[in-house]
Every structure is written in structure tokens, then in C-alpha cells.
Amino acid sequence: MAKTFGHIAGHPVGSTYGTRRELYDTGLHTELRAGISGNAKEGADSIVVSGGYVDDEDYGDLIIYTGHGGRGDSGRQVADQDINARGNAGLVRTYLEGWPVRVIRGAHKGSPHAPATGYQYGGLYRVDSYGSKVGADGFLIWQFKLVRIPDEEHRKAEDQAKETPGPAPVTTSLVQRVVRSSAVVQQIKDWYGHQCQVCGLILQVQGGYYSEGAHIQALGRPYNGPDVVENVLCLCPNDHVRFDNGAIYLSDDLKVVNAFTGAVEGQLRKHPRHRIGLTYVAQHRARWTTGRPRT
């Protein structure tokens, strides 16, 4: 079936289903066995959270979802996961494009949010971030942080798009997020004069200069990095995207490494007063290389 992003008509949040076949027939989840409906080209439009992976965490409006692959007949991990595997790559594409994901919960004892029996449609979520780590069973896993999109705001945007001529409407969603300290980020930008620490670009716009504060160890679950100057870089938008999505990482001597080729792109620029925490650097590197510490 073609991928459909968003709600499925006639199946509101909270609807329940007895079997995977019922989910498939409704179009809510177009896979009879796989937990992720998607691929690298089309993206992933739905997932099933059913307690199949020991590293999953379900907090209701926030889900830490383990990608697929590497699981043995016992249900435990017996091999590393591959980010390029079909469903995992689908969730990455959905993250990059900003598309919503339907979350369906299956009955299991590991979550108070799961139904007692069968399956329940839990609503639309946004893939907020992703990365790798060594899971509870000692193998590399990929995890996706999903944050619930308030249903009424999604519905309002859909209705406005259908009924209102002219420019598409813009809505603001207030979801669980970590508040960034503007004082910390501003201090970093002031030290570097908005110069990117990776490429050296100083981006001038009308009215001034622009740069972005990039946290080395990501804030919030599941990474829980601190909001301190030792954990922040001053980057241009391009290198911020590259850094946040694992295209580049830092060695312990602060060389910028291309994750795809292993080539060193240069030395990270460093202000004399900027003490960069190597613990945060190692955590970021582990998240995007093998999930294990690397230099």
C-alpha cells in the first residue's frame, strides 16, 4: 500500500482493533508482521509499540522506540541493528522530512499506556531525534525519540488547509521539549562572533549576523546532556544539521571527522575561554559511529 501520513478517516484516536489483520485492512499500519511501516524512499507512516524490544520506553506523550533488527527467537537482541535496514531508514526519512507517524500500541504488561487486549490507535507523533547506543543485551541498537503531536492542533491545521484559500496555515504545537538556556548559547555566539567552529563561515543577514548553538550531547531523553557552555558549539546552519544528524563528529583532539569517509575535514576552531567537555564529545561520537566509544 502507498504510504499515508496523518490520520486515517473513520479511525479516530483511541480506536481499538483485535488483530494485526484489522490494522492492515484499515490502512492504519500496512505491515502484518513488521513493527515499522516504511522504507528509505517513502518514509515511515506508522509504528506498532508492543513491548517486543527491552529497550523501549513509553511515557505516553513521549516514546523512546527501538528500531528493528538483530532480535532472536527469544525476543532478546543477538546482533547489532543496521540504520540502513528498511524500517529504520524509513523513520530517518520521516524525521528528515518532518512527517507525522501514527503510533499503535499493542497489549503488553510493560506499559500503562498499552491496551488490555488487542491494539489501540494512540495518535500522531513526530520523530524528534534518533541515535545509536549499546542496548540492555550488549548489542548496538538504534532508537527514535517520538513526541506526540496534540491532536486538536493537527486537526485544526487540516481543516484550515481544506477550507481556507491562499497561503497554507501555520500552527504552533506545544509539546514536551527541553528549554534551551539563551544565556549559554549567547555566550558561545559572542565568543566566536557567530563564526562557525567547523567551516569558519560568518553568515551575515539583514540586520546582523546569524549562527546556531549546537549541543554536543543532546538535551532531553534519552541523552540528557547538560545546558552548559562546555556542551555547546557555535555552528552555521549547514554544519549544525550535519553535526546533529551524525554526518560529522569530533575526535578527542577536536578534529572534525567525516562519518562517511573517515577523513579529517579540519581542526575545530576553539576560543581560548571555551572549555569543550570531552565526555560530551565522546557521547556524541558513540551515538553516531558504532554506539560504542571511539577516538
C-alpha atoms as a PDB file:
ATOM      1  CA  MET A   1       0.000   0.000   0.000  1.00  0.00           C
ATOM      2  CA  ALA A   2       1.073   3.588  -0.627  1.00  0.00           C
ATOM      3  CA  LYS A   3       2.164   5.481   2.464  1.00  0.00           C
ATOM      4  CA  THR A   4      -0.440   7.802   4.038  1.00  0.00           C
ATOM      5  CA  PHE A   5       0.869  10.319   6.567  1.00  0.00           C
ATOM      6  CA  GLY A   6      -1.584  11.524   9.172  1.00  0.00           C
ATOM      7  CA  HIS A   7      -4.894  10.229  10.470  1.00  0.00           C
ATOM      8  CA  ILE A   8      -6.935   7.646   8.561  1.00  0.00           C
ATOM      9  CA  ALA A   9     -10.546   8.737   8.008  1.00  0.00           C
ATOM     10  CA  GLY A  10     -13.011   6.868  10.180  1.00  0.00           C
ATOM     11  CA  HIS A  11     -10.389   5.784  12.719  1.00  0.00           C
ATOM     12  CA  PRO A  12     -10.082   8.403  15.487  1.00  0.00           C
ATOM     13  CA  VAL A  13      -7.502   8.332  18.263  1.00  0.00           C
ATOM     14  CA  GLY A  14      -8.450   5.706  20.830  1.00  0.00           C
ATOM     15  CA  SER A  15      -9.967   3.251  18.326  1.00  0.00           C
ATOM     16  CA  THR A  16      -9.270  -0.399  19.178  1.00  0.00           C
ATOM     17  CA  TYR A  17      -8.643  -3.450  16.998  1.00  0.00           C
ATOM     18  CA  GLY A  18      -8.411  -7.140  17.722  1.00  0.00           C
ATOM     19  CA  THR A  19      -5.687  -8.239  15.287  1.00  0.00           C
ATOM     20  CA  ARG A  20      -2.887  -7.037  13.030  1.00  0.00           C
ATOM     21  CA  ARG A  21      -5.043  -8.003  10.057  1.00  0.00           C
ATOM     22  CA  GLU A  22      -7.658  -5.479  11.169  1.00  0.00           C
ATOM     23  CA  LEU A  23      -4.980  -2.781  11.393  1.00  0.00           C
ATOM     24  CA  TYR A  24      -3.751  -3.698   7.934  1.00  0.00           C
ATOM     25  CA  ASP A  25      -7.230  -3.625   6.399  1.00  0.00           C
ATOM     26  CA  THR A  26      -7.957  -0.165   7.833  1.00  0.00           C
ATOM     27  CA  GLY A  27      -4.684   1.251   6.457  1.00  0.00           C
ATOM     28  CA  LEU A  28      -3.532   2.310   9.911  1.00  0.00           C
ATOM     29  CA  HIS A  29      -0.490   0.023   9.703  1.00  0.00           C
ATOM     30  CA  THR A  30       0.298  -1.603   6.367  1.00  0.00           C
ATOM     31  CA  GLU A  31       2.535  -4.384   7.671  1.00  0.00           C
ATOM     32  CA  LEU A  32       1.214  -7.685   9.003  1.00  0.00           C
ATOM     33  CA  ARG A  33       4.350  -8.514  10.991  1.00  0.00           C
ATOM     34  CA  ALA A  34       6.881  -5.674  10.937  1.00  0.00           C
ATOM     35  CA  GLY A  35       6.599  -3.032  13.653  1.00  0.00           C
ATOM     36  CA  ILE A  36       7.592  -0.218  11.278  1.00  0.00           C
ATOM     37  CA  SER A  37       5.633   0.520   8.114  1.00  0.00           C
ATOM     38  CA  GLY A  38       8.105   2.270   5.853  1.00  0.00           C
ATOM     39  CA  ASN A  39      11.307   2.401   3.833  1.00  0.00           C
ATOM     40  CA  ALA A  40      14.094   4.816   2.976  1.00  0.00           C
ATOM     41  CA  LYS A  41      12.408   6.191  -0.153  1.00  0.00           C
ATOM     42  CA  GLU A  42       8.852   6.705   1.095  1.00  0.00           C
ATOM     43  CA  GLY A  43       9.427   7.246   4.806  1.00  0.00           C
ATOM     44  CA  ALA A  44       7.615   5.507   7.669  1.00  0.00           C
ATOM     45  CA  ASP A  45       3.983   6.420   8.295  1.00  0.00           C
ATOM     46  CA  SER A  46       3.215   4.171  11.293  1.00  0.00           C
ATOM     47  CA  ILE A  47       4.749   2.036  14.023  1.00  0.00           C
ATOM     48  CA  VAL A  48       3.455  -0.561  16.467  1.00  0.00           C
ATOM     49  CA  VAL A  49       4.686  -0.344  20.075  1.00  0.00           C
ATOM     50  CA  SER A  50       4.101  -3.734  21.662  1.00  0.00           C
ATOM     51  CA  GLY A  51       6.922  -4.356  24.136  1.00  0.00           C
ATOM     52  CA  GLY A  52       8.925  -6.501  21.743  1.00  0.00           C
ATOM     53  CA  TYR A  53      12.220  -4.729  22.452  1.00  0.00           C
ATOM     54  CA  VAL A  54      13.551  -4.498  26.004  1.00  0.00           C
ATOM     55  CA  ASP A  55      14.996  -1.014  25.458  1.00  0.00           C
ATOM     56  CA  ASP A  56      11.669   0.609  24.517  1.00  0.00           C
ATOM     57  CA  GLU A  57      10.318   3.278  26.891  1.00  0.00           C
ATOM     58  CA  ASP A  58       6.738   4.534  26.721  1.00  0.00           C
ATOM     59  CA  TYR A  59       5.871   7.663  28.714  1.00  0.00           C
ATOM     60  CA  GLY A  60       2.622   8.375  26.900  1.00  0.00           C
ATOM     61  CA  ASP A  61       3.322  11.656  25.104  1.00  0.00           C
ATOM     62  CA  LEU A  62       6.991  10.670  24.746  1.00  0.00           C
ATOM     63  CA  ILE A  63       8.234   7.338  23.378  1.00  0.00           C
ATOM     64  CA  ILE A  64      11.793   6.022  23.061  1.00  0.00           C
ATOM     65  CA  TYR A  65      11.307   3.499  20.274  1.00  0.00           C
ATOM     66  CA  THR A  66      13.904   0.875  19.373  1.00  0.00           C
ATOM     67  CA  GLY A  67      14.401   0.218  15.663  1.00  0.00           C
ATOM     68  CA  HIS A  68      14.077  -3.244  14.168  1.00  0.00           C
ATOM     69  CA  GLY A  69      16.608  -5.969  13.528  1.00  0.00           C
ATOM     70  CA  GLY A  70      19.033  -8.157  15.467  1.00  0.00           C
ATOM     71  CA  ARG A  71      16.423  -9.878  17.636  1.00  0.00           C
ATOM     72  CA  GLY A  72      16.495 -13.651  18.200  1.00  0.00           C
ATOM     73  CA  ASP A  73      13.654 -16.134  18.670  1.00  0.00           C
ATOM     74  CA  SER A  74      13.734 -15.465  22.419  1.00  0.00           C
ATOM     75  CA  GLY A  75      12.882 -11.816  21.839  1.00  0.00           C
ATOM     76  CA  ARG A  76      16.311 -10.585  23.021  1.00  0.00           C
ATOM     77  CA  GLN A  77      18.968  -8.864  20.912  1.00  0.00           C
ATOM     78  CA  VAL A  78      21.511 -11.288  19.439  1.00  0.00           C
ATOM     79  CA  ALA A  79      23.119  -8.964  16.862  1.00  0.00           C
ATOM     80  CA  ASP A  80      23.682  -5.279  16.089  1.00  0.00           C
ATOM     81  CA  GLN A  81      21.000  -3.279  14.293  1.00  0.00           C
ATOM     82  CA  ASP A  82      21.564  -1.528  10.956  1.00  0.00           C
ATOM     83  CA  ILE A  83      20.307   2.049  10.497  1.00  0.00           C
ATOM     84  CA  ASN A  84      20.005   1.359   6.753  1.00  0.00           C
ATOM     85  CA  ALA A  85      17.578  -1.529   7.303  1.00  0.00           C
ATOM     86  CA  ARG A  86      14.198  -0.931   5.690  1.00  0.00           C
ATOM     87  CA  GLY A  87      12.070   0.284   8.604  1.00  0.00           C
ATOM     88  CA  ASN A  88      14.862   2.120  10.404  1.00  0.00           C
ATOM     89  CA  ALA A  89      15.760   4.042   7.253  1.00  0.00           C
ATOM     90  CA  GLY A  90      12.072   4.825   6.839  1.00  0.00           C
ATOM     91  CA  LEU A  91      11.925   6.504  10.249  1.00  0.00           C
ATOM     92  CA  VAL A  92      15.051   8.501   9.411  1.00  0.00           C
ATOM     93  CA  ARG A  93      13.411   9.748   6.200  1.00  0.00           C
ATOM     94  CA  THR A  94      10.278  10.692   8.155  1.00  0.00           C
ATOM     95  CA  TYR A  95      12.441  12.610  10.639  1.00  0.00           C
ATOM     96  CA  LEU A  96      14.281  14.487   7.893  1.00  0.00           C
ATOM     97  CA  GLU A  97      11.043  15.436   6.121  1.00  0.00           C
ATOM     98  CA  GLY A  98       9.122  16.304   9.302  1.00  0.00           C
ATOM     99  CA  TRP A  99       6.232  13.945   8.571  1.00  0.00           C
ATOM    100  CA  PRO A 100       3.924  12.604  11.325  1.00  0.00           C
ATOM    101  CA  VAL A 101       3.913   8.958  12.431  1.00  0.00           C
ATOM    102  CA  ARG A 102       0.829   7.042  13.531  1.00  0.00           C
ATOM    103  CA  VAL A 103       1.509   5.180  16.787  1.00  0.00           C
ATOM    104  CA  ILE A 104      -0.421   1.995  17.506  1.00  0.00           C
ATOM    105  CA  ARG A 105       0.053   0.298  20.857  1.00  0.00           C
ATOM    106  CA  GLY A 106      -0.280  -3.457  21.292  1.00  0.00           C
ATOM    107  CA  ALA A 107      -1.276  -5.130  24.543  1.00  0.00           C
ATOM    108  CA  HIS A 108       1.651  -5.870  26.874  1.00  0.00           C
ATOM    109  CA  LYS A 109       2.397  -5.555  30.576  1.00  0.00           C
ATOM    110  CA  GLY A 110       5.373  -3.230  30.158  1.00  0.00           C
ATOM    111  CA  SER A 111       3.386  -0.018  29.661  1.00  0.00           C
ATOM    112  CA  PRO A 112       0.430   1.570  31.473  1.00  0.00           C
ATOM    113  CA  HIS A 113      -0.455   3.211  28.152  1.00  0.00           C
ATOM    114  CA  ALA A 114      -0.989  -0.082  26.301  1.00  0.00           C
ATOM    115  CA  PRO A 115      -4.480  -1.579  25.892  1.00  0.00           C
ATOM    116  CA  ALA A 116      -5.508  -4.620  27.931  1.00  0.00           C
ATOM    117  CA  THR A 117      -6.061  -6.625  24.748  1.00  0.00           C
ATOM    118  CA  GLY A 118      -5.526  -6.190  21.017  1.00  0.00           C
ATOM    119  CA  TYR A 119      -4.349  -2.863  19.601  1.00  0.00           C
ATOM    120  CA  GLN A 120      -5.218   0.789  20.103  1.00  0.00           C
ATOM    121  CA  TYR A 121      -4.510   3.829  17.925  1.00  0.00           C
ATOM    122  CA  GLY A 122      -2.539   6.304  20.038  1.00  0.00           C
ATOM    123  CA  GLY A 123      -2.434   9.295  17.675  1.00  0.00           C
ATOM    124  CA  LEU A 124       0.207  11.158  15.694  1.00  0.00           C
ATOM    125  CA  TYR A 125       3.796  11.606  16.836  1.00  0.00           C
ATOM    126  CA  ARG A 126       6.808  13.463  15.474  1.00  0.00           C
ATOM    127  CA  VAL A 127      10.274  11.889  15.287  1.00  0.00           C
ATOM    128  CA  ASP A 128      12.188  14.396  17.395  1.00  0.00           C
ATOM    129  CA  SER A 129      15.657  12.785  17.204  1.00  0.00           C
ATOM    130  CA  TYR A 130      17.449   9.471  16.784  1.00  0.00           C
ATOM    131  CA  GLY A 131      20.795   7.835  17.506  1.00  0.00           C
ATOM    132  CA  SER A 132      22.581   4.623  18.447  1.00  0.00           C
ATOM    133  CA  LYS A 133      23.678   3.106  21.737  1.00  0.00           C
ATOM    134  CA  VAL A 134      24.568  -0.257  23.234  1.00  0.00           C
ATOM    135  CA  GLY A 135      21.317  -1.763  24.476  1.00  0.00           C
ATOM    136  CA  ALA A 136      20.499  -3.823  27.553  1.00  0.00           C
ATOM    137  CA  ASP A 137      21.591  -7.032  25.790  1.00  0.00           C
ATOM    138  CA  GLY A 138      25.011  -5.659  24.835  1.00  0.00           C
ATOM    139  CA  PHE A 139      24.352  -5.068  21.118  1.00  0.00           C
ATOM    140  CA  LEU A 140      24.124  -1.893  19.062  1.00  0.00           C
ATOM    141  CA  ILE A 141      20.582  -0.582  18.725  1.00  0.00           C
ATOM    142  CA  TRP A 142      19.088   2.478  17.053  1.00  0.00           C
ATOM    143  CA  GLN A 143      16.496   4.446  18.980  1.00  0.00           C
ATOM    144  CA  PHE A 144      13.994   7.075  17.878  1.00  0.00           C
ATOM    145  CA  LYS A 145      12.533   9.699  20.188  1.00  0.00           C
ATOM    146  CA  LEU A 146       8.890  10.341  19.294  1.00  0.00           C
ATOM    147  CA  VAL A 147       6.851  13.223  20.737  1.00  0.00           C
ATOM    148  CA  ARG A 148       3.066  13.335  20.473  1.00  0.00           C
ATOM    149  CA  ILE A 149       1.503  15.989  18.247  1.00  0.00           C
ATOM    150  CA  PRO A 150      -1.551  17.470  20.008  1.00  0.00           C
ATOM    151  CA  ASP A 151      -4.458  16.002  18.077  1.00  0.00           C
ATOM    152  CA  GLU A 152      -6.649  19.068  18.116  1.00  0.00           C
ATOM    153  CA  GLU A 153      -3.904  21.202  16.565  1.00  0.00           C
ATOM    154  CA  HIS A 154      -3.254  18.694  13.777  1.00  0.00           C
ATOM    155  CA  ARG A 155      -6.993  18.528  13.044  1.00  0.00           C
ATOM    156  CA  LYS A 156      -7.291  22.330  13.040  1.00  0.00           C
ATOM    157  CA  ALA A 157      -4.447  22.637  10.529  1.00  0.00           C
ATOM    158  CA  GLU A 158      -6.044  20.006   8.261  1.00  0.00           C
ATOM    159  CA  ASP A 159      -9.419  21.759   8.379  1.00  0.00           C
ATOM    160  CA  GLN A 160      -7.911  25.149   7.634  1.00  0.00           C
ATOM    161  CA  ALA A 161      -5.929  23.757   4.732  1.00  0.00           C
ATOM    162  CA  LYS A 162      -9.113  22.343   3.203  1.00  0.00           C
ATOM    163  CA  GLU A 163     -11.379  25.352   3.768  1.00  0.00           C
ATOM    164  CA  THR A 164      -9.167  28.432   3.544  1.00  0.00           C
ATOM    165  CA  PRO A 165      -7.898  29.706   0.168  1.00  0.00           C
ATOM    166  CA  GLY A 166      -4.494  31.321  -0.066  1.00  0.00           C
ATOM    167  CA  PRO A 167      -1.316  30.553   1.880  1.00  0.00           C
ATOM    168  CA  ALA A 168      -1.165  27.393   3.963  1.00  0.00           C
ATOM    169  CA  PRO A 169      -1.897  27.994   7.664  1.00  0.00           C
ATOM    170  CA  VAL A 170       0.815  27.940  10.290  1.00  0.00           C
ATOM    171  CA  THR A 171       0.121  26.463  13.713  1.00  0.00           C
ATOM    172  CA  THR A 172       2.248  26.202  16.836  1.00  0.00           C
ATOM    173  CA  SER A 173       2.426  22.918  18.748  1.00  0.00           C
ATOM    174  CA  LEU A 174       3.459  22.995  22.387  1.00  0.00           C
ATOM    175  CA  VAL A 175       4.873  19.567  23.202  1.00  0.00           C
ATOM    176  CA  GLN A 176       7.318  18.199  25.746  1.00  0.00           C
ATOM    177  CA  ARG A 177      10.660  19.781  24.999  1.00  0.00           C
ATOM    178  CA  VAL A 178      13.778  20.950  26.772  1.00  0.00           C
ATOM    179  CA  VAL A 179      14.065  24.712  27.157  1.00  0.00           C
ATOM    180  CA  ARG A 180      17.445  25.901  25.867  1.00  0.00           C
ATOM    181  CA  SER A 181      19.223  28.477  28.010  1.00  0.00           C
ATOM    182  CA  SER A 182      19.587  31.581  25.841  1.00  0.00           C
ATOM    183  CA  ALA A 183      22.358  32.902  28.101  1.00  0.00           C
ATOM    184  CA  VAL A 184      24.509  29.807  27.496  1.00  0.00           C
ATOM    185  CA  VAL A 185      24.019  29.864  23.726  1.00  0.00           C
ATOM    186  CA  GLN A 186      24.527  33.631  23.536  1.00  0.00           C
ATOM    187  CA  GLN A 187      27.817  33.368  25.419  1.00  0.00           C
ATOM    188  CA  ILE A 188      29.117  30.877  22.836  1.00  0.00           C
ATOM    189  CA  LYS A 189      27.986  33.057  19.935  1.00  0.00           C
ATOM    190  CA  ASP A 190      29.635  36.114  21.492  1.00  0.00           C
ATOM    191  CA  TRP A 191      32.954  34.297  21.953  1.00  0.00           C
ATOM    192  CA  TYR A 192      33.058  33.265  18.307  1.00  0.00           C
ATOM    193  CA  GLY A 193      31.448  36.344  16.783  1.00  0.00           C
ATOM    194  CA  HIS A 194      28.980  33.992  15.046  1.00  0.00           C
ATOM    195  CA  GLN A 195      31.812  32.231  13.196  1.00  0.00           C
ATOM    196  CA  CYS A 196      31.156  28.533  12.593  1.00  0.00           C
ATOM    197  CA  GLN A 197      33.648  26.419  14.528  1.00  0.00           C
ATOM    198  CA  VAL A 198      33.662  23.781  11.762  1.00  0.00           C
ATOM    199  CA  CYS A 199      33.884  25.658   8.450  1.00  0.00           C
ATOM    200  CA  GLY A 200      34.690  29.222   9.555  1.00  0.00           C
ATOM    201  CA  LEU A 201      31.656  30.785   7.853  1.00  0.00           C
ATOM    202  CA  ILE A 202      30.292  34.037   9.290  1.00  0.00           C
ATOM    203  CA  LEU A 203      26.745  34.301   7.967  1.00  0.00           C
ATOM    204  CA  GLN A 204      25.547  37.885   7.507  1.00  0.00           C
ATOM    205  CA  VAL A 205      21.828  38.606   7.151  1.00  0.00           C
ATOM    206  CA  GLN A 206      19.808  41.792   7.046  1.00  0.00           C
ATOM    207  CA  GLY A 207      20.265  43.470  10.422  1.00  0.00           C
ATOM    208  CA  GLY A 208      23.207  41.466  11.693  1.00  0.00           C
ATOM    209  CA  TYR A 209      24.804  38.024  11.836  1.00  0.00           C
ATOM    210  CA  TYR A 210      23.354  34.564  12.327  1.00  0.00           C
ATOM    211  CA  SER A 211      24.697  31.373  13.895  1.00  0.00           C
ATOM    212  CA  GLU A 212      23.260  28.453  15.859  1.00  0.00           C
ATOM    213  CA  GLY A 213      24.099  26.937  19.219  1.00  0.00           C
ATOM    214  CA  ALA A 214      24.534  23.175  18.837  1.00  0.00           C
ATOM    215  CA  HIS A 215      24.505  20.947  21.910  1.00  0.00           C
ATOM    216  CA  ILE A 216      27.165  18.251  21.663  1.00  0.00           C
ATOM    217  CA  GLN A 217      25.421  15.731  23.920  1.00  0.00           C
ATOM    218  CA  ALA A 218      21.761  16.222  23.070  1.00  0.00           C
ATOM    219  CA  LEU A 219      19.400  17.583  25.707  1.00  0.00           C
ATOM    220  CA  GLY A 220      16.415  15.612  26.966  1.00  0.00           C
ATOM    221  CA  ARG A 221      15.673  11.892  26.951  1.00  0.00           C
ATOM    222  CA  PRO A 222      17.372   9.601  26.167  1.00  0.00           C
ATOM    223  CA  TYR A 223      20.684  11.534  26.050  1.00  0.00           C
ATOM    224  CA  ASN A 224      20.191  14.025  28.918  1.00  0.00           C
ATOM    225  CA  GLY A 225      23.055  16.363  28.087  1.00  0.00           C
ATOM    226  CA  PRO A 226      23.522  19.471  30.287  1.00  0.00           C
ATOM    227  CA  ASP A 227      22.865  23.016  29.079  1.00  0.00           C
ATOM    228  CA  VAL A 228      26.338  24.414  29.806  1.00  0.00           C
ATOM    229  CA  VAL A 229      28.937  26.171  27.671  1.00  0.00           C
ATOM    230  CA  GLU A 230      31.171  23.073  27.735  1.00  0.00           C
ATOM    231  CA  ASN A 231      28.406  21.220  25.858  1.00  0.00           C
ATOM    232  CA  VAL A 232      27.654  23.821  23.147  1.00  0.00           C
ATOM    233  CA  LEU A 233      29.257  24.675  19.812  1.00  0.00           C
ATOM    234  CA  CYS A 234      28.756  27.708  17.564  1.00  0.00           C
ATOM    235  CA  LEU A 235      27.852  26.405  14.106  1.00  0.00           C
ATOM    236  CA  CYS A 236      26.417  27.587  10.813  1.00  0.00           C
ATOM    237  CA  PRO A 237      23.031  26.029   9.861  1.00  0.00           C
ATOM    238  CA  ASN A 238      24.632  23.548   7.426  1.00  0.00           C
ATOM    239  CA  ASP A 239      27.166  22.206   9.901  1.00  0.00           C
ATOM    240  CA  HIS A 240      24.572  22.200  12.687  1.00  0.00           C
ATOM    241  CA  VAL A 241      22.423  19.839  10.598  1.00  0.00           C
ATOM    242  CA  ARG A 242      25.458  17.708   9.749  1.00  0.00           C
ATOM    243  CA  PHE A 243      26.544  17.504  13.377  1.00  0.00           C
ATOM    244  CA  ASP A 244      23.086  16.824  14.812  1.00  0.00           C
ATOM    245  CA  ASN A 245      22.481  14.037  12.291  1.00  0.00           C
ATOM    246  CA  GLY A 246      25.824  12.271  12.526  1.00  0.00           C
ATOM    247  CA  ALA A 247      27.409  13.315   9.225  1.00  0.00           C
ATOM    248  CA  ILE A 248      30.382  14.703  11.158  1.00  0.00           C
ATOM    249  CA  TYR A 249      31.738  14.042  14.640  1.00  0.00           C
ATOM    250  CA  LEU A 250      34.714  15.130  16.749  1.00  0.00           C
ATOM    251  CA  SER A 251      37.791  13.208  17.825  1.00  0.00           C
ATOM    252  CA  ASP A 252      39.173  13.676  21.327  1.00  0.00           C
ATOM    253  CA  ASP A 253      41.739  16.141  19.967  1.00  0.00           C
ATOM    254  CA  LEU A 254      38.814  18.062  18.391  1.00  0.00           C
ATOM    255  CA  LYS A 255      39.401  17.189  14.769  1.00  0.00           C
ATOM    256  CA  VAL A 256      36.268  17.255  12.582  1.00  0.00           C
ATOM    257  CA  VAL A 257      35.766  13.801  11.049  1.00  0.00           C
ATOM    258  CA  ASN A 258      33.527  12.951   8.082  1.00  0.00           C
ATOM    259  CA  ALA A 259      31.459   9.983   9.296  1.00  0.00           C
ATOM    260  CA  PHE A 260      31.025   8.528   5.810  1.00  0.00           C
ATOM    261  CA  THR A 261      34.658   8.548   4.693  1.00  0.00           C
ATOM    262  CA  GLY A 262      36.560   8.713   7.978  1.00  0.00           C
ATOM    263  CA  ALA A 263      38.546  11.629   6.554  1.00  0.00           C
ATOM    264  CA  VAL A 264      39.532  14.536   8.775  1.00  0.00           C
ATOM    265  CA  GLU A 265      37.949  17.730   7.449  1.00  0.00           C
ATOM    266  CA  GLY A 266      39.944  20.026   9.697  1.00  0.00           C
ATOM    267  CA  GLN A 267      40.526  21.176  13.267  1.00  0.00           C
ATOM    268  CA  LEU A 268      37.603  22.547  15.260  1.00  0.00           C
ATOM    269  CA  ARG A 269      38.017  26.258  15.927  1.00  0.00           C
ATOM    270  CA  LYS A 270      38.273  26.949  19.655  1.00  0.00           C
ATOM    271  CA  HIS A 271      38.127  30.200  21.622  1.00  0.00           C
ATOM    272  CA  PRO A 272      40.664  30.362  24.492  1.00  0.00           C
ATOM    273  CA  ARG A 273      37.859  30.629  27.065  1.00  0.00           C
ATOM    274  CA  HIS A 274      35.773  27.809  25.626  1.00  0.00           C
ATOM    275  CA  ARG A 275      36.474  24.579  27.506  1.00  0.00           C
ATOM    276  CA  ILE A 276      34.793  21.811  25.484  1.00  0.00           C
ATOM    277  CA  GLY A 277      33.801  18.771  27.533  1.00  0.00           C
ATOM    278  CA  LEU A 278      35.412  15.658  26.073  1.00  0.00           C
ATOM    279  CA  THR A 279      32.856  13.474  27.858  1.00  0.00           C
ATOM    280  CA  TYR A 280      30.138  15.137  25.765  1.00  0.00           C
ATOM    281  CA  VAL A 281      32.255  14.763  22.624  1.00  0.00           C
ATOM    282  CA  ALA A 282      32.657  11.024  23.277  1.00  0.00           C
ATOM    283  CA  GLN A 283      28.924  10.579  23.869  1.00  0.00           C
ATOM    284  CA  HIS A 284      28.048  12.303  20.591  1.00  0.00           C
ATOM    285  CA  ARG A 285      30.642  10.262  18.707  1.00  0.00           C
ATOM    286  CA  ALA A 286      29.376   7.000  20.179  1.00  0.00           C
ATOM    287  CA  ARG A 287      25.803   7.922  19.248  1.00  0.00           C
ATOM    288  CA  TRP A 288      26.662   8.235  15.577  1.00  0.00           C
ATOM    289  CA  THR A 289      29.533   5.821  14.938  1.00  0.00           C
ATOM    290  CA  THR A 290      29.052   2.378  16.450  1.00  0.00           C
ATOM    291  CA  GLY A 291      27.210   3.175  19.673  1.00  0.00           C
ATOM    292  CA  ARG A 292      30.477   2.412  21.475  1.00  0.00           C
ATOM    293  CA  PRO A 293      33.268   4.813  22.457  1.00  0.00           C
ATOM    294  CA  ARG A 294      35.602   5.704  19.586  1.00  0.00           C
ATOM    295  CA  THR A 295      38.503   8.075  19.174  1.00  0.00           C
END
